[in-house]
Amino acid sequence: FANGLTRDVQGRLIACDRTPRVVRTEPDGSLTVVANNYQSKRLNRPNDVVVKSDGSIYFTDPGAPAPGMALDFAGVYRVSADLGTLTLLVRDFVLPNGLAFSPDESILYINDSRRGHIRAFDMQPNGTLALATDRVFCDLTGERPGVPDGMKVDVEGNVYCGGSGGLWVLDSSGNHLGTIVHGAPATTNLAFGGEDWKTLFFTTRNTLGRVRTNIPGVPVPAQA
């Protein structure tokens, strides 16, 4: 089944598929495989995906060593816009999940559901991560249920991510501005939409909700 979804710069749907692979739906309905292996070893279970304005595709691939798994690590990857090159960006997450770019695409945020925090990396000109800039952006743990999962950013750089007690809103420095409390145990994913991009849709384990925001989200597909 499909998990994380986004659209590329041409509006085509990109999906993380538990088969496991990342696929793109073409205008005629056919599927193009974006990635299904790393160095000839089958991916674990691609989880979430984001597209940069240059057309390159970034996705998380969590999974602990288990029977049937070919890779013994959880990775975060980049696929070039022409789908010709798959690059492993980082492999020291326990459970990499949601990921999102800052509005100017200078920072990539990646959360770790198991550790309960968001990490931030500065981007390099070639599309890889400046690993020396790796830092914990925010810890989202607490007494109430909820772990980091899907994640989105608005046009002013605020970050929206599931956390303890609901859907956390963070400023661009990682300060906790507030929590959208929806009453469910976990926020599983989210997306901005509506004509003005000020409607934040979110899913929990068994419900779909929406909330209006004062600041529009970064449009999808990304604009170059």
C-alpha atoms as a PDB file:
ATOM      1  CA  PHE A   1       0.000   0.000   0.000  1.00  0.00           C
ATOM      2  CA  ALA A   2       1.030   3.611  -0.468  1.00  0.00           C
ATOM      3  CA  ASN A   3       2.305   5.776   2.368  1.00  0.00           C
ATOM      4  CA  GLY A   4       3.834   9.249   1.893  1.00  0.00           C
ATOM      5  CA  LEU A   5       2.634  11.223  -1.139  1.00  0.00           C
ATOM      6  CA  THR A   6       3.669  14.389  -2.953  1.00  0.00           C
ATOM      7  CA  ARG A   7       3.729  15.845  -6.463  1.00  0.00           C
ATOM      8  CA  ASP A   8       6.726  16.587  -8.635  1.00  0.00           C
ATOM      9  CA  VAL A   9       7.402  19.829 -10.523  1.00  0.00           C
ATOM     10  CA  GLN A  10       5.168  18.607 -13.366  1.00  0.00           C
ATOM     11  CA  GLY A  11       2.314  17.743 -11.016  1.00  0.00           C
ATOM     12  CA  ARG A  12       2.759  13.972 -11.219  1.00  0.00           C
ATOM     13  CA  LEU A  13       1.989  11.984  -8.072  1.00  0.00           C
ATOM     14  CA  ILE A  14       4.987  10.495  -6.253  1.00  0.00           C
ATOM     15  CA  ALA A  15       4.208   7.739  -3.744  1.00  0.00           C
ATOM     16  CA  CYS A  16       6.153   5.677  -1.234  1.00  0.00           C
ATOM     17  CA  ASP A  17       4.997   2.099  -1.696  1.00  0.00           C
ATOM     18  CA  ARG A  18       5.512  -0.689   0.827  1.00  0.00           C
ATOM     19  CA  THR A  19       6.245  -3.195  -1.974  1.00  0.00           C
ATOM     20  CA  PRO A  20       8.943  -1.633  -1.321  1.00  0.00           C
ATOM     21  CA  ARG A  21       9.586   1.142  -3.824  1.00  0.00           C
ATOM     22  CA  VAL A  22       8.953   4.781  -4.703  1.00  0.00           C
ATOM     23  CA  VAL A  23       6.797   5.249  -7.802  1.00  0.00           C
ATOM     24  CA  ARG A  24       5.565   8.057 -10.047  1.00  0.00           C
ATOM     25  CA  THR A  25       2.133   8.062 -11.692  1.00  0.00           C
ATOM     26  CA  GLU A  26       2.281   9.258 -15.297  1.00  0.00           C
ATOM     27  CA  PRO A  27      -0.522  11.205 -17.045  1.00  0.00           C
ATOM     28  CA  ASP A  28      -1.702   8.015 -18.776  1.00  0.00           C
ATOM     29  CA  GLY A  29      -1.999   6.201 -15.430  1.00  0.00           C
ATOM     30  CA  SER A  30       1.097   4.062 -15.832  1.00  0.00           C
ATOM     31  CA  LEU A  31       3.683   3.797 -13.062  1.00  0.00           C
ATOM     32  CA  THR A  32       7.367   4.648 -13.284  1.00  0.00           C
ATOM     33  CA  VAL A  33       9.663   3.216 -10.622  1.00  0.00           C
ATOM     34  CA  VAL A  34      11.661   6.041  -9.029  1.00  0.00           C
ATOM     35  CA  ALA A  35      13.664   3.758  -6.713  1.00  0.00           C
ATOM     36  CA  ASN A  36      13.397   0.186  -5.467  1.00  0.00           C
ATOM     37  CA  ASN A  37      16.945  -0.787  -4.513  1.00  0.00           C
ATOM     38  CA  TYR A  38      20.229   0.589  -3.240  1.00  0.00           C
ATOM     39  CA  GLN A  39      23.395  -1.014  -4.603  1.00  0.00           C
ATOM     40  CA  SER A  40      21.257  -3.918  -5.875  1.00  0.00           C
ATOM     41  CA  LYS A  41      19.738  -4.505  -2.424  1.00  0.00           C
ATOM     42  CA  ARG A  42      15.984  -4.108  -2.018  1.00  0.00           C
ATOM     43  CA  LEU A  43      14.822  -1.045  -0.065  1.00  0.00           C
ATOM     44  CA  ASN A  44      13.240  -1.573   3.362  1.00  0.00           C
ATOM     45  CA  ARG A  45       9.882   0.262   3.324  1.00  0.00           C
ATOM     46  CA  PRO A  46       9.914   3.793   1.872  1.00  0.00           C
ATOM     47  CA  ASN A  47       7.872   6.050   4.124  1.00  0.00           C
ATOM     48  CA  ASP A  48       7.730   9.717   3.132  1.00  0.00           C
ATOM     49  CA  VAL A  49       8.852  11.842   0.207  1.00  0.00           C
ATOM     50  CA  VAL A  50       9.473  15.452  -0.807  1.00  0.00           C
ATOM     51  CA  VAL A  51      10.444  17.008  -4.153  1.00  0.00           C
ATOM     52  CA  LYS A  52      12.889  19.898  -4.515  1.00  0.00           C
ATOM     53  CA  SER A  53      12.212  22.653  -7.065  1.00  0.00           C
ATOM     54  CA  ASP A  54      14.976  21.286  -9.330  1.00  0.00           C
ATOM     55  CA  GLY A  55      12.987  18.055  -9.669  1.00  0.00           C
ATOM     56  CA  SER A  56      15.144  15.883  -7.422  1.00  0.00           C
ATOM     57  CA  ILE A  57      13.285  13.529  -5.075  1.00  0.00           C
ATOM     58  CA  TYR A  58      14.133  12.880  -1.411  1.00  0.00           C
ATOM     59  CA  PHE A  59      12.666  10.021   0.615  1.00  0.00           C
ATOM     60  CA  THR A  60      13.052   8.188   3.912  1.00  0.00           C
ATOM     61  CA  ASP A  61      13.432   4.412   4.129  1.00  0.00           C
ATOM     62  CA  PRO A  62      13.064   3.201   7.726  1.00  0.00           C
ATOM     63  CA  GLY A  63      13.421  -0.386   8.809  1.00  0.00           C
ATOM     64  CA  ALA A  64      15.362  -2.294  11.419  1.00  0.00           C
ATOM     65  CA  PRO A  65      17.254  -5.463  10.488  1.00  0.00           C
ATOM     66  CA  ALA A  66      14.641  -8.181  10.125  1.00  0.00           C
ATOM     67  CA  PRO A  67      14.119 -11.431   8.226  1.00  0.00           C
ATOM     68  CA  GLY A  68      13.711 -10.690   4.541  1.00  0.00           C
ATOM     69  CA  MET A  69      15.275  -7.217   4.675  1.00  0.00           C
ATOM     70  CA  ALA A  70      18.329  -6.786   2.472  1.00  0.00           C
ATOM     71  CA  LEU A  71      19.606  -3.530   4.001  1.00  0.00           C
ATOM     72  CA  ASP A  72      20.805  -3.438   7.600  1.00  0.00           C
ATOM     73  CA  PHE A  73      20.234   0.295   8.117  1.00  0.00           C
ATOM     74  CA  ALA A  74      17.518   2.947   7.813  1.00  0.00           C
ATOM     75  CA  GLY A  75      18.421   5.502   5.154  1.00  0.00           C
ATOM     76  CA  VAL A  76      17.488   8.847   3.662  1.00  0.00           C
ATOM     77  CA  TYR A  77      18.000   9.101  -0.096  1.00  0.00           C
ATOM     78  CA  ARG A  78      18.060  11.520  -3.019  1.00  0.00           C
ATOM     79  CA  VAL A  79      17.042  10.614  -6.566  1.00  0.00           C
ATOM     80  CA  SER A  80      18.213  12.931  -9.351  1.00  0.00           C
ATOM     81  CA  ALA A  81      15.550  14.633 -11.467  1.00  0.00           C
ATOM     82  CA  ASP A  82      16.271  12.323 -14.413  1.00  0.00           C
ATOM     83  CA  LEU A  83      15.932   9.295 -12.066  1.00  0.00           C
ATOM     84  CA  GLY A  84      19.417   8.222 -13.101  1.00  0.00           C
ATOM     85  CA  THR A  85      21.245   8.530  -9.778  1.00  0.00           C
ATOM     86  CA  LEU A  86      20.247   7.320  -6.307  1.00  0.00           C
ATOM     87  CA  THR A  87      22.370   8.754  -3.481  1.00  0.00           C
ATOM     88  CA  LEU A  88      22.364   7.655   0.158  1.00  0.00           C
ATOM     89  CA  LEU A  89      22.450  10.900   2.167  1.00  0.00           C
ATOM     90  CA  VAL A  90      22.513   9.693   5.775  1.00  0.00           C
ATOM     91  CA  ARG A  91      22.094   6.343   7.538  1.00  0.00           C
ATOM     92  CA  ASP A  92      22.321   6.998  11.299  1.00  0.00           C
ATOM     93  CA  PHE A  93      18.610   7.514  12.001  1.00  0.00           C
ATOM     94  CA  VAL A  94      16.732   4.906  14.021  1.00  0.00           C
ATOM     95  CA  LEU A  95      13.387   5.491  12.287  1.00  0.00           C
ATOM     96  CA  PRO A  96      13.547   8.292   9.691  1.00  0.00           C
ATOM     97  CA  ASN A  97      10.048   9.418   8.816  1.00  0.00           C
ATOM     98  CA  GLY A  98       8.773  12.829   7.682  1.00  0.00           C
ATOM     99  CA  LEU A  99      10.954  15.280   5.804  1.00  0.00           C
ATOM    100  CA  ALA A 100      10.506  18.821   4.482  1.00  0.00           C
ATOM    101  CA  PHE A 101      12.538  21.677   3.048  1.00  0.00           C
ATOM    102  CA  SER A 102      12.695  25.199   4.410  1.00  0.00           C
ATOM    103  CA  PRO A 103      10.981  27.667   2.034  1.00  0.00           C
ATOM    104  CA  ASP A 104      14.281  28.625   0.373  1.00  0.00           C
ATOM    105  CA  GLU A 105      15.389  24.966   0.277  1.00  0.00           C
ATOM    106  CA  SER A 106      18.591  25.756   2.167  1.00  0.00           C
ATOM    107  CA  ILE A 107      17.680  23.354   5.008  1.00  0.00           C
ATOM    108  CA  LEU A 108      16.251  19.837   4.995  1.00  0.00           C
ATOM    109  CA  TYR A 109      14.336  18.800   8.115  1.00  0.00           C
ATOM    110  CA  ILE A 110      14.086  15.060   8.829  1.00  0.00           C
ATOM    111  CA  ASN A 111      12.356  13.623  11.868  1.00  0.00           C
ATOM    112  CA  ASP A 112      13.098  10.413  13.742  1.00  0.00           C
ATOM    113  CA  SER A 113       9.957   8.796  15.143  1.00  0.00           C
ATOM    114  CA  ARG A 114      11.868   6.520  17.487  1.00  0.00           C
ATOM    115  CA  ARG A 115      14.043   9.259  18.998  1.00  0.00           C
ATOM    116  CA  GLY A 116      11.176  11.760  19.052  1.00  0.00           C
ATOM    117  CA  HIS A 117      12.990  14.677  17.485  1.00  0.00           C
ATOM    118  CA  ILE A 118      13.566  16.615  14.262  1.00  0.00           C
ATOM    119  CA  ARG A 119      17.064  17.007  12.845  1.00  0.00           C
ATOM    120  CA  ALA A 120      18.109  19.777  10.452  1.00  0.00           C
ATOM    121  CA  PHE A 121      20.807  19.738   7.782  1.00  0.00           C
ATOM    122  CA  ASP A 122      22.095  22.564   5.604  1.00  0.00           C
ATOM    123  CA  MET A 123      21.992  21.710   1.913  1.00  0.00           C
ATOM    124  CA  GLN A 124      25.032  21.584  -0.341  1.00  0.00           C
ATOM    125  CA  PRO A 125      24.953  22.912  -3.937  1.00  0.00           C
ATOM    126  CA  ASN A 126      25.004  19.362  -5.344  1.00  0.00           C
ATOM    127  CA  GLY A 127      21.826  18.428  -3.459  1.00  0.00           C
ATOM    128  CA  THR A 128      23.481  16.395  -0.711  1.00  0.00           C
ATOM    129  CA  LEU A 129      23.511  17.209   3.000  1.00  0.00           C
ATOM    130  CA  ALA A 130      26.263  19.147   4.741  1.00  0.00           C
ATOM    131  CA  LEU A 131      26.663  16.497   7.441  1.00  0.00           C
ATOM    132  CA  ALA A 132      28.799  18.746   9.634  1.00  0.00           C
ATOM    133  CA  THR A 133      25.718  20.985  10.100  1.00  0.00           C
ATOM    134  CA  ASP A 134      23.591  18.153  11.524  1.00  0.00           C
ATOM    135  CA  ARG A 135      21.734  19.407  14.607  1.00  0.00           C
ATOM    136  CA  VAL A 136      18.634  18.591  16.638  1.00  0.00           C
ATOM    137  CA  PHE A 137      16.057  21.175  15.572  1.00  0.00           C
ATOM    138  CA  CYS A 138      13.442  20.305  18.187  1.00  0.00           C
ATOM    139  CA  ASP A 139      12.561  17.533  20.640  1.00  0.00           C
ATOM    140  CA  LEU A 140       8.853  16.653  20.417  1.00  0.00           C
ATOM    141  CA  THR A 141       8.602  14.176  23.276  1.00  0.00           C
ATOM    142  CA  GLY A 142       6.309  14.617  26.251  1.00  0.00           C
ATOM    143  CA  GLU A 143       3.870  12.933  28.590  1.00  0.00           C
ATOM    144  CA  ARG A 144       1.020  12.714  26.060  1.00  0.00           C
ATOM    145  CA  PRO A 145       0.862  10.244  23.137  1.00  0.00           C
ATOM    146  CA  GLY A 146       2.251  11.201  19.751  1.00  0.00           C
ATOM    147  CA  VAL A 147       5.531  10.940  17.843  1.00  0.00           C
ATOM    148  CA  PRO A 148       7.023  12.804  14.878  1.00  0.00           C
ATOM    149  CA  ASP A 149       5.627  11.521  11.594  1.00  0.00           C
ATOM    150  CA  GLY A 150       4.571  13.562   8.551  1.00  0.00           C
ATOM    151  CA  MET A 151       5.923  17.120   8.408  1.00  0.00           C
ATOM    152  CA  LYS A 152       5.275  20.324   6.428  1.00  0.00           C
ATOM    153  CA  VAL A 153       6.527  23.927   6.308  1.00  0.00           C
ATOM    154  CA  ASP A 154       4.716  27.221   5.677  1.00  0.00           C
ATOM    155  CA  VAL A 155       5.968  30.146   3.583  1.00  0.00           C
ATOM    156  CA  GLU A 156       7.384  31.917   6.660  1.00  0.00           C
ATOM    157  CA  GLY A 157       9.462  28.885   7.634  1.00  0.00           C
ATOM    158  CA  ASN A 158       7.318  27.540  10.459  1.00  0.00           C
ATOM    159  CA  VAL A 159       7.413  23.748  10.763  1.00  0.00           C
ATOM    160  CA  TYR A 160       4.332  21.582  11.422  1.00  0.00           C
ATOM    161  CA  CYS A 161       4.858  18.080  12.797  1.00  0.00           C
ATOM    162  CA  GLY A 162       3.107  15.517  14.950  1.00  0.00           C
ATOM    163  CA  GLY A 163       4.363  15.308  18.511  1.00  0.00           C
ATOM    164  CA  SER A 164       3.312  14.703  22.079  1.00  0.00           C
ATOM    165  CA  GLY A 165      -0.308  15.777  22.504  1.00  0.00           C
ATOM    166  CA  GLY A 166      -1.111  16.709  18.909  1.00  0.00           C
ATOM    167  CA  LEU A 167       0.214  18.646  15.934  1.00  0.00           C
ATOM    168  CA  TRP A 168       3.134  20.886  16.917  1.00  0.00           C
ATOM    169  CA  VAL A 169       3.855  24.254  15.306  1.00  0.00           C
ATOM    170  CA  LEU A 170       7.499  25.386  15.498  1.00  0.00           C
ATOM    171  CA  ASP A 171       9.167  28.562  14.309  1.00  0.00           C
ATOM    172  CA  SER A 172      12.228  28.484  12.066  1.00  0.00           C
ATOM    173  CA  SER A 173      14.491  28.379  15.128  1.00  0.00           C
ATOM    174  CA  GLY A 174      12.777  25.297  16.547  1.00  0.00           C
ATOM    175  CA  ASN A 175      10.810  27.115  19.252  1.00  0.00           C
ATOM    176  CA  HIS A 176       7.460  25.524  20.096  1.00  0.00           C
ATOM    177  CA  LEU A 177       4.784  28.092  19.169  1.00  0.00           C
ATOM    178  CA  GLY A 178       1.810  25.920  20.067  1.00  0.00           C
ATOM    179  CA  THR A 179       0.000  22.628  19.561  1.00  0.00           C
ATOM    180  CA  ILE A 180      -3.091  21.892  17.478  1.00  0.00           C
ATOM    181  CA  VAL A 181      -4.979  19.473  19.721  1.00  0.00           C
ATOM    182  CA  HIS A 182      -7.203  17.079  17.761  1.00  0.00           C
ATOM    183  CA  GLY A 183      -7.813  14.455  20.442  1.00  0.00           C
ATOM    184  CA  ALA A 184      -6.332  11.474  18.600  1.00  0.00           C
ATOM    185  CA  PRO A 185      -3.282   9.543  19.859  1.00  0.00           C
ATOM    186  CA  ALA A 186      -1.067  10.435  16.895  1.00  0.00           C
ATOM    187  CA  THR A 187      -0.756  12.724  13.868  1.00  0.00           C
ATOM    188  CA  THR A 188       0.316  10.489  10.997  1.00  0.00           C
ATOM    189  CA  ASN A 189       0.601  12.920   8.085  1.00  0.00           C
ATOM    190  CA  LEU A 190      -0.421  16.365   6.900  1.00  0.00           C
ATOM    191  CA  ALA A 191      -0.621  18.576   3.826  1.00  0.00           C
ATOM    192  CA  PHE A 192      -1.447  22.181   3.042  1.00  0.00           C
ATOM    193  CA  GLY A 193      -4.138  22.819   0.442  1.00  0.00           C
ATOM    194  CA  GLY A 194      -7.114  24.921  -0.558  1.00  0.00           C
ATOM    195  CA  GLU A 195      -7.093  27.785  -3.050  1.00  0.00           C
ATOM    196  CA  ASP A 196      -5.025  29.958  -0.705  1.00  0.00           C
ATOM    197  CA  TRP A 197      -2.906  27.125   0.762  1.00  0.00           C
ATOM    198  CA  LYS A 198      -4.167  28.058   4.227  1.00  0.00           C
ATOM    199  CA  THR A 199      -6.026  24.819   4.948  1.00  0.00           C
ATOM    200  CA  LEU A 200      -3.927  22.255   6.783  1.00  0.00           C
ATOM    201  CA  PHE A 201      -5.277  18.745   6.265  1.00  0.00           C
ATOM    202  CA  PHE A 202      -4.061  16.073   8.674  1.00  0.00           C
ATOM    203  CA  THR A 203      -4.564  12.388   9.292  1.00  0.00           C
ATOM    204  CA  THR A 204      -4.495  10.418  12.515  1.00  0.00           C
ATOM    205  CA  ARG A 205      -4.521   6.646  12.763  1.00  0.00           C
ATOM    206  CA  ASN A 206      -8.171   6.480  11.704  1.00  0.00           C
ATOM    207  CA  THR A 207      -9.454  10.007  10.990  1.00  0.00           C
ATOM    208  CA  LEU A 208      -8.997  12.888   8.550  1.00  0.00           C
ATOM    209  CA  GLY A 209      -9.195  16.472   9.779  1.00  0.00           C
ATOM    210  CA  ARG A 210      -8.485  20.020   8.683  1.00  0.00           C
ATOM    211  CA  VAL A 211      -7.700  23.355  10.294  1.00  0.00           C
ATOM    212  CA  ARG A 212      -7.350  26.868   8.894  1.00  0.00           C
ATOM    213  CA  THR A 213      -4.000  28.601   9.336  1.00  0.00           C
ATOM    214  CA  ASN A 214      -3.057  32.276   9.176  1.00  0.00           C
ATOM    215  CA  ILE A 215       0.013  31.584   7.055  1.00  0.00           C
ATOM    216  CA  PRO A 216      -0.097  29.633   3.771  1.00  0.00           C
ATOM    217  CA  GLY A 217       1.915  26.487   3.348  1.00  0.00           C
ATOM    218  CA  VAL A 218       4.661  26.090   0.784  1.00  0.00           C
ATOM    219  CA  PRO A 219       2.849  25.101  -2.450  1.00  0.00           C
ATOM    220  CA  VAL A 220       3.212  21.631  -3.928  1.00  0.00           C
ATOM    221  CA  PRO A 221       4.640  21.117  -6.468  1.00  0.00           C
ATOM    222  CA  ALA A 222       7.565  23.321  -5.494  1.00  0.00           C
ATOM    223  CA  GLN A 223       8.120  26.345  -7.688  1.00  0.00           C
ATOM    224  CA  ALA A 224      11.598  26.848  -9.142  1.00  0.00           C
END
